[in-house]
Protein backbone atom coordinates (compact mmCIF):
# COMPACT_ATOMS: atom_id res chain seq x y z
CA MET A 1 0.00 0.00 0.00
CA GLU A 2 1.57 3.20 -1.17
CA LEU A 3 0.48 6.59 0.12
CA TYR A 4 0.47 9.67 -2.04
CA GLN A 5 2.37 12.76 -1.01
CA THR A 6 -0.62 14.80 0.16
CA PHE A 7 -2.22 12.01 2.19
CA HIS A 8 -1.26 13.24 5.66
CA PRO A 9 -2.10 16.93 5.09
CA THR A 10 -5.45 15.91 3.61
CA VAL A 11 -6.29 13.75 6.61
CA PHE A 12 -5.26 16.62 8.90
CA LEU A 13 -7.58 19.07 7.11
CA ILE A 14 -10.45 16.60 7.22
CA SER A 15 -9.82 16.10 10.93
CA LEU A 16 -10.19 19.88 11.37
CA LEU A 17 -13.67 19.61 9.86
CA TRP A 18 -14.57 16.67 12.09
CA GLY A 19 -13.36 18.64 15.10
CA ALA A 20 -15.78 21.41 14.19
CA PHE A 21 -18.56 18.83 13.94
CA ILE A 22 -17.65 17.45 17.37
CA TYR A 23 -17.74 20.95 18.80
CA GLU A 24 -21.24 21.48 17.44
CA ILE A 25 -22.33 18.31 19.21
CA TYR A 26 -20.68 19.64 22.36
CA ASP A 27 -22.55 22.92 21.96
CA ILE A 28 -25.86 21.08 21.81
CA ASN A 29 -24.79 19.07 24.84
CA ARG A 30 -23.90 22.27 26.67
CA PHE A 31 -27.35 23.71 25.91
CA LEU A 32 -29.06 20.56 27.20
CA ARG A 33 -26.91 20.67 30.33
CA TYR A 34 -28.05 24.25 30.90
CA VAL A 35 -31.69 23.26 30.47
CA PHE A 36 -31.44 20.27 32.83
CA LYS A 37 -29.00 21.79 35.33
CA SER A 38 -31.00 20.68 38.35
CA HIS A 39 -31.12 17.02 37.26
CA LYS A 40 -27.80 15.42 38.11
CA TYR A 41 -28.53 12.07 36.46
CA VAL A 42 -29.55 13.65 33.16
CA ILE A 43 -26.28 15.59 33.07
CA ILE A 44 -24.28 12.41 33.75
CA LEU A 45 -26.18 10.60 30.99
CA LEU A 46 -25.59 13.47 28.55
CA ASP A 47 -21.86 13.45 29.31
CA ILE A 48 -21.61 9.69 28.80
CA LEU A 49 -23.53 9.91 25.51
CA PHE A 50 -21.25 12.71 24.33
CA MET A 51 -18.11 10.72 25.14
CA VAL A 52 -19.44 7.59 23.42
CA LEU A 53 -20.50 9.56 20.34
CA CYS A 54 -17.11 11.27 20.08
CA SER A 55 -15.34 7.94 20.46
CA VAL A 56 -17.43 6.44 17.67
CA ILE A 57 -16.74 9.44 15.42
CA VAL A 58 -12.98 9.22 15.98
CA PHE A 59 -13.03 5.44 15.43
CA ILE A 60 -14.99 5.65 12.19
CA PHE A 61 -12.83 8.55 11.01
CA SER A 62 -9.66 6.58 11.59
CA LEU A 63 -11.13 3.59 9.76
CA ALA A 64 -12.42 5.57 6.82
CA TYR A 65 -9.56 7.98 6.17
CA ASN A 66 -6.56 6.49 7.91
CA PHE A 67 -6.79 2.77 7.16
CA GLY A 68 -7.58 2.07 10.83
CA LYS A 69 -4.31 3.48 12.11
CA PRO A 70 -4.64 6.10 14.84
CA ARG A 71 -2.30 9.00 14.27
CA ILE A 72 -1.56 11.82 16.65
CA TYR A 73 -2.01 14.60 14.07
CA MET A 74 -5.57 13.43 13.53
CA LEU A 75 -6.44 13.93 17.19
CA VAL A 76 -4.49 17.20 17.34
CA GLY A 77 -6.42 18.53 14.33
CA MET A 78 -9.74 17.72 15.95
CA ALA A 79 -8.65 19.32 19.21
CA ILE A 80 -7.35 22.47 17.49
CA SER A 81 -10.57 23.12 15.62
CA ALA A 82 -12.80 22.29 18.59
CA LEU A 83 -10.84 24.54 20.94
CA THR A 84 -10.70 27.35 18.38
CA LEU A 85 -14.46 27.26 18.01
CA ARG A 86 -14.90 26.99 21.76
CA PHE A 87 -12.98 30.16 22.47
CA THR A 88 -14.41 32.15 19.55
CA LEU A 89 -18.00 31.10 18.86
CA GLY A 90 -18.52 29.41 22.21
CA LYS A 91 -19.08 32.65 24.06
CA LEU A 92 -21.59 33.83 21.45
CA SER A 93 -23.53 30.56 21.47
CA LEU A 94 -23.75 30.58 25.25
CA VAL A 95 -25.31 34.06 25.18
CA LEU A 96 -27.80 32.92 22.52
CA PHE A 97 -28.70 29.80 24.48
CA ILE A 98 -29.35 31.72 27.67
CA LYS A 99 -31.68 34.16 25.91
């Protein structure tokens, strides 16, 4: 199996997109946590569902684009895009959710 020269940068850019998708799921989770803030068990269930969903997304991504091999730049790309959105759009979305 021979990889082309732009394989790794392409996978990194796709992982940036998947990181943005994961952040959107987190944003929905954060809104639901705000709505159910008095119900401890609902919050625990939401957190577990979020972790399982993110694990499935990362697993399928590594199978589909990376031949099943986990690579650190894939996880770093997802983290970079999710954290960038968190510290830029995250504050705006929190204000919109509260209103």
